[in-house]
Amino acid sequence: MAKPQESEKPPEPASMNDVERVFARYDANGDGKISASELANGMRALGFEGSDEELKAMMAELDSDGDGFVDLNEFAAFHRGLGDLTGGERELRGFFAMFDLDKNGRISAEELHLVLTRLGEKCSVQDCAQMIRSVDLDGDGSVNFEEFKKMIGNGGGRKASDGSGSPLPSPSSK
């Protein structure tokens, strides 16, 4: 039986409301900008174990105006780039790696549950298994990078705890 052909259009980026919600969670003090320490805290909450140099490089990449902070426009520009598979593939792979805790190239329901729990999301492993099933195109019970790209582009098929459809993780609830 032949597999139906899928459209190869690039995924659509997250909505601005989703980006604003994620930005607000990184912006721990609510001053409208993300400092280097807020970025570091948010990334560590996601399980990022990179060096201070890697965090500095990440901040430099996000901080396009060089003022030492990431404002909403800079943050949104970065997230628009996640949907640009030519310019954002490296960043998207890094994002995927934060969920792929055992580094086997697939995100399991257990890995998703652990990361979402670290982020303050209230969900069960069964909820995570349902999220996985909603984007698991090959039926192997996990999400590979190609499925992850589609999930990021189309809203992920899940509702966040605040009712948005964002697949984007946020470091912690305020």
Protein backbone atom coordinates (compact mmCIF):
# COMPACT_ATOMS: atom_id res chain seq x y z
CA MET A 1 0.00 0.00 0.00
CA ALA A 2 1.51 3.31 -1.06
CA LYS A 3 1.98 6.00 1.54
CA PRO A 4 -0.01 9.17 0.76
CA GLN A 5 2.18 12.04 -0.36
CA GLU A 6 2.56 14.84 2.13
CA SER A 7 3.00 18.47 1.31
CA GLU A 8 6.60 19.53 1.84
CA LYS A 9 5.81 23.12 2.76
CA PRO A 10 7.84 24.43 5.70
CA PRO A 11 6.12 24.48 9.08
CA GLU A 12 4.41 27.67 10.14
CA PRO A 13 6.04 29.49 13.05
CA ALA A 14 4.40 29.72 16.45
CA SER A 15 1.82 32.45 16.90
CA MET A 16 2.87 35.72 18.52
CA ASN A 17 0.66 34.92 21.53
CA ASP A 18 2.59 31.68 22.05
CA VAL A 19 5.92 33.50 21.77
CA GLU A 20 4.77 36.19 24.22
CA ARG A 21 3.71 33.52 26.72
CA VAL A 22 7.08 31.76 26.52
CA PHE A 23 8.93 35.09 26.68
CA ALA A 24 7.06 36.03 29.87
CA ARG A 25 8.19 32.81 31.53
CA TYR A 26 11.85 33.50 30.75
CA ASP A 27 11.44 37.13 31.87
CA ALA A 28 11.34 36.16 35.55
CA ASN A 29 11.28 39.71 36.93
CA GLY A 30 8.72 40.97 34.39
CA ASP A 31 10.78 43.93 33.18
CA GLY A 32 10.14 43.23 29.50
CA LYS A 33 13.59 41.87 28.73
CA ILE A 34 15.51 38.67 29.33
CA SER A 35 18.87 39.05 31.03
CA ALA A 36 21.74 36.61 30.66
CA SER A 37 20.96 35.13 34.08
CA GLU A 38 17.25 34.72 33.23
CA LEU A 39 18.20 32.98 29.98
CA ALA A 40 20.62 30.71 31.84
CA ASN A 41 18.01 29.85 34.49
CA GLY A 42 15.41 29.10 31.83
CA MET A 43 17.74 26.95 29.78
CA ARG A 44 18.90 25.01 32.83
CA ALA A 45 15.25 24.39 33.76
CA LEU A 46 14.96 22.75 30.34
CA GLY A 47 17.89 20.47 31.16
CA PHE A 48 20.54 22.40 29.23
CA GLU A 49 23.91 21.46 30.65
CA GLY A 50 26.09 23.66 28.45
CA SER A 51 29.01 25.74 29.54
CA ASP A 52 28.93 29.43 30.45
CA GLU A 53 30.58 30.07 27.07
CA GLU A 54 27.73 28.31 25.27
CA LEU A 55 25.20 30.39 27.20
CA LYS A 56 27.11 33.58 26.32
CA ALA A 57 27.09 32.57 22.65
CA MET A 58 23.36 31.86 22.83
CA MET A 59 22.76 35.26 24.42
CA ALA A 60 24.87 36.96 21.75
CA GLU A 61 22.87 35.22 19.02
CA LEU A 62 19.54 36.30 20.54
CA ASP A 63 20.61 39.85 21.50
CA SER A 64 20.69 41.36 18.01
CA ASP A 65 20.98 44.98 19.20
CA GLY A 66 23.85 44.22 21.58
CA ASP A 67 22.33 45.89 24.65
CA GLY A 68 22.92 42.85 26.87
CA PHE A 69 19.25 41.89 27.01
CA VAL A 70 16.77 40.03 24.80
CA ASP A 71 13.56 41.96 24.22
CA LEU A 72 10.33 40.52 22.88
CA ASN A 73 11.12 41.50 19.27
CA GLU A 74 14.49 39.73 19.39
CA PHE A 75 12.92 36.68 21.06
CA ALA A 76 10.14 36.57 18.43
CA ALA A 77 12.66 36.90 15.59
CA PHE A 78 14.55 33.90 16.98
CA HIS A 79 11.36 31.81 17.18
CA ARG A 80 10.39 32.79 13.63
CA GLY A 81 13.79 31.38 12.64
CA LEU A 82 12.90 27.99 14.20
CA GLY A 83 10.38 27.52 11.41
CA ASP A 84 12.94 28.50 8.77
CA LEU A 85 14.49 25.12 8.06
CA THR A 86 17.45 26.62 6.22
CA GLY A 87 18.35 29.21 8.85
CA GLY A 88 16.98 27.57 11.98
CA GLU A 89 17.82 23.88 11.57
CA ARG A 90 20.76 24.03 14.00
CA GLU A 91 18.69 25.80 16.66
CA LEU A 92 15.80 23.40 16.15
CA ARG A 93 18.13 20.41 16.55
CA GLY A 94 19.39 21.93 19.81
CA PHE A 95 15.81 22.39 20.94
CA PHE A 96 15.06 18.75 20.07
CA ALA A 97 18.13 17.62 22.03
CA MET A 98 16.75 19.21 25.20
CA PHE A 99 13.87 16.71 25.08
CA ASP A 100 15.90 13.73 23.81
CA LEU A 101 17.43 13.03 27.21
CA ASP A 102 18.96 9.66 26.33
CA LYS A 103 20.29 11.04 23.00
CA ASN A 104 18.86 8.17 20.92
CA GLY A 105 17.29 10.45 18.31
CA ARG A 106 13.75 9.96 19.61
CA ILE A 107 11.64 11.62 22.31
CA SER A 108 9.69 9.10 24.39
CA ALA A 109 6.60 9.81 26.50
CA GLU A 110 8.77 9.39 29.62
CA GLU A 111 11.33 11.94 28.38
CA LEU A 112 8.59 14.40 27.44
CA HIS A 113 6.98 13.91 30.85
CA LEU A 114 10.25 14.55 32.68
CA VAL A 115 10.99 17.75 30.75
CA LEU A 116 7.43 19.10 31.03
CA THR A 117 7.41 18.33 34.76
CA ARG A 118 10.66 20.28 35.16
CA LEU A 119 8.91 23.15 33.41
CA GLY A 120 6.04 23.09 35.87
CA GLU A 121 3.50 21.55 33.51
CA LYS A 122 0.98 19.29 35.22
CA CYS A 123 0.60 16.18 33.09
CA SER A 124 0.87 12.42 33.38
CA VAL A 125 2.99 10.02 31.37
CA GLN A 126 -0.29 8.94 29.74
CA ASP A 127 -0.97 12.57 28.72
CA CYS A 128 2.52 12.72 27.22
CA ALA A 129 1.93 9.44 25.38
CA GLN A 130 -1.20 10.99 23.84
CA MET A 131 0.80 14.08 22.80
CA ILE A 132 3.37 11.79 21.19
CA ARG A 133 0.66 9.79 19.36
CA SER A 134 -0.76 13.01 17.92
CA VAL A 135 2.49 13.68 16.00
CA ASP A 136 3.97 10.16 15.70
CA LEU A 137 3.75 9.70 11.94
CA ASP A 138 5.68 6.42 11.78
CA GLY A 139 3.83 4.81 14.70
CA ASP A 140 6.93 3.87 16.71
CA GLY A 141 5.63 5.44 19.94
CA SER A 142 8.18 8.25 19.96
CA VAL A 143 8.92 11.53 18.16
CA ASN A 144 11.92 11.69 15.85
CA PHE A 145 13.43 14.94 14.56
CA GLU A 146 11.31 15.08 11.40
CA GLU A 147 8.12 14.61 13.43
CA PHE A 148 9.39 17.22 15.91
CA LYS A 149 9.84 19.76 13.10
CA LYS A 150 6.25 19.22 12.02
CA MET A 151 5.04 19.45 15.62
CA ILE A 152 6.83 22.77 16.16
CA GLY A 153 5.41 24.12 12.92
CA ASN A 154 1.77 23.21 13.46
CA GLY A 155 1.13 23.82 17.14
CA GLY A 156 2.02 20.36 18.33
CA GLY A 157 -1.45 18.90 18.59
CA ARG A 158 -1.51 19.59 22.32
CA LYS A 159 -2.94 22.21 24.56
CA ALA A 160 -0.66 23.77 27.10
CA SER A 161 -1.89 24.07 30.67
CA ASP A 162 -2.89 27.66 30.00
CA GLY A 163 -5.11 26.59 27.07
CA SER A 164 -2.81 27.72 24.26
CA GLY A 165 -1.79 25.29 21.56
CA SER A 166 1.90 26.10 21.91
CA PRO A 167 4.40 23.30 21.46
CA LEU A 168 7.08 25.66 22.72
CA PRO A 169 8.37 24.87 26.17
CA SER A 170 8.73 27.55 28.74
CA PRO A 171 11.16 27.26 31.61
CA SER A 172 8.77 27.67 34.50
CA SER A 173 5.47 29.13 35.48
CA LYS A 174 5.56 32.48 37.23
